Amino acid sequence: MTTKTFQTIPRNVWVLGFVSLLTDISSEMIHSVLPLFLVSVFALSAIALLLVFESGRWKSVDKE
């Protein structure tokens, strides 16, 4: 790609792409820390934690 190609992309597209990237990064960071938070703050057992995450998976299957 040449520099001219990058210049033809509007500034709003670049900003929205960057914001989308930051949103994806933050959601992955939260997803990795969420089980620790649920166990330490709400004192969930391993079985309860499994049920929480599996219920989310069941809901996503229903939408398809």
N, C-alpha and C. Protein backbone atom coordinates (compact mmCIF):
# COMPACT_ATOMS: atom_id res chain seq x y z
N MET A 1 0.84 -1.18 0.00
CA MET A 1 0.00 0.00 0.00
C MET A 1 0.89 1.24 0.00
N THR A 2 0.43 2.21 -0.65
CA THR A 2 1.20 3.44 -0.72
C THR A 2 0.66 4.44 0.30
N THR A 3 1.40 5.50 0.48
CA THR A 3 0.99 6.55 1.41
C THR A 3 -0.30 7.20 0.95
N LYS A 4 -0.48 7.30 -0.36
CA LYS A 4 -1.69 7.92 -0.88
C LYS A 4 -2.94 7.13 -0.48
N THR A 5 -2.81 5.81 -0.43
CA THR A 5 -3.94 4.98 -0.03
C THR A 5 -4.33 5.27 1.41
N PHE A 6 -3.35 5.40 2.30
CA PHE A 6 -3.64 5.70 3.69
C PHE A 6 -4.24 7.10 3.86
N GLN A 7 -3.86 8.01 3.02
CA GLN A 7 -4.38 9.37 3.12
C GLN A 7 -5.83 9.46 2.66
N THR A 8 -6.28 8.53 1.85
CA THR A 8 -7.66 8.59 1.36
C THR A 8 -8.65 8.04 2.38
N ILE A 9 -8.17 7.33 3.39
CA ILE A 9 -9.07 6.82 4.43
C ILE A 9 -9.40 7.97 5.36
N PRO A 10 -10.68 8.24 5.60
CA PRO A 10 -11.08 9.37 6.45
C PRO A 10 -10.58 9.23 7.89
N ARG A 11 -10.40 10.35 8.53
CA ARG A 11 -9.90 10.38 9.90
C ARG A 11 -10.85 9.66 10.86
N ASN A 12 -12.16 9.78 10.62
CA ASN A 12 -13.14 9.12 11.49
C ASN A 12 -12.98 7.60 11.48
N VAL A 13 -12.62 7.05 10.32
CA VAL A 13 -12.42 5.61 10.21
C VAL A 13 -11.21 5.19 11.04
N TRP A 14 -10.14 5.97 11.00
CA TRP A 14 -8.95 5.67 11.80
C TRP A 14 -9.27 5.74 13.30
N VAL A 15 -10.02 6.74 13.71
CA VAL A 15 -10.37 6.90 15.12
C VAL A 15 -11.26 5.75 15.58
N LEU A 16 -12.26 5.40 14.80
CA LEU A 16 -13.14 4.30 15.17
C LEU A 16 -12.39 2.97 15.22
N GLY A 17 -11.46 2.76 14.31
CA GLY A 17 -10.65 1.55 14.33
C GLY A 17 -9.79 1.48 15.58
N PHE A 18 -9.20 2.59 15.97
CA PHE A 18 -8.36 2.63 17.17
C PHE A 18 -9.19 2.40 18.43
N VAL A 19 -10.36 3.00 18.50
CA VAL A 19 -11.26 2.80 19.64
C VAL A 19 -11.71 1.34 19.71
N SER A 20 -11.99 0.74 18.57
CA SER A 20 -12.37 -0.67 18.52
C SER A 20 -11.23 -1.56 19.02
N LEU A 21 -10.02 -1.24 18.63
CA LEU A 21 -8.85 -1.98 19.11
C LEU A 21 -8.72 -1.90 20.62
N LEU A 22 -8.86 -0.71 21.17
CA LEU A 22 -8.77 -0.54 22.62
C LEU A 22 -9.89 -1.27 23.35
N THR A 23 -11.09 -1.29 22.78
CA THR A 23 -12.21 -2.01 23.37
C THR A 23 -11.94 -3.50 23.40
N ASP A 24 -11.41 -4.04 22.31
CA ASP A 24 -11.09 -5.47 22.25
C ASP A 24 -10.02 -5.84 23.27
N ILE A 25 -9.01 -5.00 23.40
CA ILE A 25 -7.94 -5.27 24.37
C ILE A 25 -8.48 -5.25 25.79
N SER A 26 -9.31 -4.25 26.10
CA SER A 26 -9.84 -4.15 27.47
C SER A 26 -10.78 -5.29 27.80
N SER A 27 -11.58 -5.74 26.84
CA SER A 27 -12.48 -6.85 27.13
C SER A 27 -11.71 -8.15 27.35
N GLU A 28 -10.61 -8.34 26.63
CA GLU A 28 -9.78 -9.53 26.87
C GLU A 28 -9.11 -9.46 28.23
N MET A 29 -8.71 -8.26 28.65
CA MET A 29 -8.09 -8.12 29.97
C MET A 29 -9.09 -8.42 31.08
N ILE A 30 -10.31 -7.94 30.94
CA ILE A 30 -11.34 -8.17 31.94
C ILE A 30 -11.72 -9.65 31.97
N HIS A 31 -11.80 -10.26 30.80
CA HIS A 31 -12.19 -11.67 30.73
C HIS A 31 -11.19 -12.57 31.46
N SER A 32 -9.92 -12.21 31.45
CA SER A 32 -8.93 -13.04 32.12
C SER A 32 -8.93 -12.84 33.63
N VAL A 33 -9.39 -11.71 34.13
CA VAL A 33 -9.38 -11.42 35.56
C VAL A 33 -10.73 -11.71 36.22
N LEU A 34 -11.77 -11.85 35.46
CA LEU A 34 -13.11 -12.03 36.00
C LEU A 34 -13.25 -13.23 36.93
N PRO A 35 -12.73 -14.41 36.62
CA PRO A 35 -12.87 -15.53 37.57
C PRO A 35 -12.22 -15.24 38.92
N LEU A 36 -11.07 -14.62 38.92
CA LEU A 36 -10.41 -14.27 40.17
C LEU A 36 -11.26 -13.30 40.99
N PHE A 37 -11.84 -12.33 40.34
CA PHE A 37 -12.71 -11.38 41.02
C PHE A 37 -13.93 -12.06 41.63
N LEU A 38 -14.57 -12.93 40.85
CA LEU A 38 -15.76 -13.61 41.35
C LEU A 38 -15.45 -14.52 42.54
N VAL A 39 -14.32 -15.18 42.51
CA VAL A 39 -13.95 -16.08 43.61
C VAL A 39 -13.55 -15.29 44.84
N SER A 40 -12.78 -14.23 44.67
CA SER A 40 -12.28 -13.50 45.83
C SER A 40 -13.33 -12.57 46.46
N VAL A 41 -14.13 -11.89 45.67
CA VAL A 41 -15.10 -10.93 46.21
C VAL A 41 -16.41 -11.61 46.61
N PHE A 42 -16.92 -12.47 45.75
CA PHE A 42 -18.20 -13.10 46.03
C PHE A 42 -18.06 -14.48 46.65
N ALA A 43 -16.84 -14.95 46.84
CA ALA A 43 -16.54 -16.25 47.45
C ALA A 43 -17.28 -17.39 46.75
N LEU A 44 -17.25 -17.37 45.43
CA LEU A 44 -17.88 -18.45 44.67
C LEU A 44 -17.02 -19.70 44.71
N SER A 45 -17.66 -20.84 44.72
CA SER A 45 -16.94 -22.10 44.63
C SER A 45 -16.62 -22.37 43.16
N ALA A 46 -15.84 -23.39 42.93
CA ALA A 46 -15.48 -23.75 41.55
C ALA A 46 -16.71 -24.17 40.76
N ILE A 47 -17.63 -24.87 41.41
CA ILE A 47 -18.86 -25.31 40.73
C ILE A 47 -19.73 -24.10 40.37
N ALA A 48 -19.86 -23.15 41.28
CA ALA A 48 -20.66 -21.95 41.00
C ALA A 48 -20.03 -21.14 39.87
N LEU A 49 -18.71 -21.05 39.88
CA LEU A 49 -18.01 -20.33 38.82
C LEU A 49 -18.24 -21.01 37.47
N LEU A 50 -18.20 -22.32 37.47
CA LEU A 50 -18.47 -23.07 36.25
C LEU A 50 -19.89 -22.81 35.75
N LEU A 51 -20.85 -22.79 36.66
CA LEU A 51 -22.23 -22.53 36.26
C LEU A 51 -22.41 -21.12 35.69
N VAL A 52 -21.71 -20.15 36.25
CA VAL A 52 -21.80 -18.77 35.75
C VAL A 52 -21.30 -18.70 34.31
N PHE A 53 -20.15 -19.30 34.06
CA PHE A 53 -19.59 -19.21 32.71
C PHE A 53 -20.34 -20.08 31.71
N GLU A 54 -20.82 -21.22 32.15
CA GLU A 54 -21.58 -22.07 31.24
C GLU A 54 -22.95 -21.47 30.92
N SER A 55 -23.56 -20.77 31.86
CA SER A 55 -24.85 -20.13 31.56
C SER A 55 -24.67 -19.06 30.49
N GLY A 56 -23.56 -18.37 30.49
CA GLY A 56 -23.27 -17.40 29.43
C GLY A 56 -23.08 -18.08 28.09
N ARG A 57 -22.48 -19.24 28.10
CA ARG A 57 -22.29 -19.99 26.86
C ARG A 57 -23.63 -20.51 26.34
N TRP A 58 -24.51 -20.94 27.23
CA TRP A 58 -25.82 -21.43 26.82
C TRP A 58 -26.64 -20.31 26.18
N LYS A 59 -26.54 -19.10 26.72
CA LYS A 59 -27.27 -17.97 26.16
C LYS A 59 -26.77 -17.65 24.76
N SER A 60 -25.45 -17.74 24.54
CA SER A 60 -24.91 -17.42 23.23
C SER A 60 -25.31 -18.47 22.20
N VAL A 61 -25.49 -19.72 22.63
CA VAL A 61 -25.95 -20.77 21.71
C VAL A 61 -27.40 -20.53 21.32
N ASP A 62 -28.21 -20.07 22.26
CA ASP A 62 -29.62 -19.80 21.97
C ASP A 62 -29.80 -18.72 20.92
N LYS A 63 -28.89 -17.75 20.86
CA LYS A 63 -29.02 -16.65 19.91
C LYS A 63 -28.74 -17.08 18.48
N GLU A 64 -27.98 -18.15 18.31
CA GLU A 64 -27.64 -18.61 16.96
C GLU A 64 -28.77 -19.30 16.35
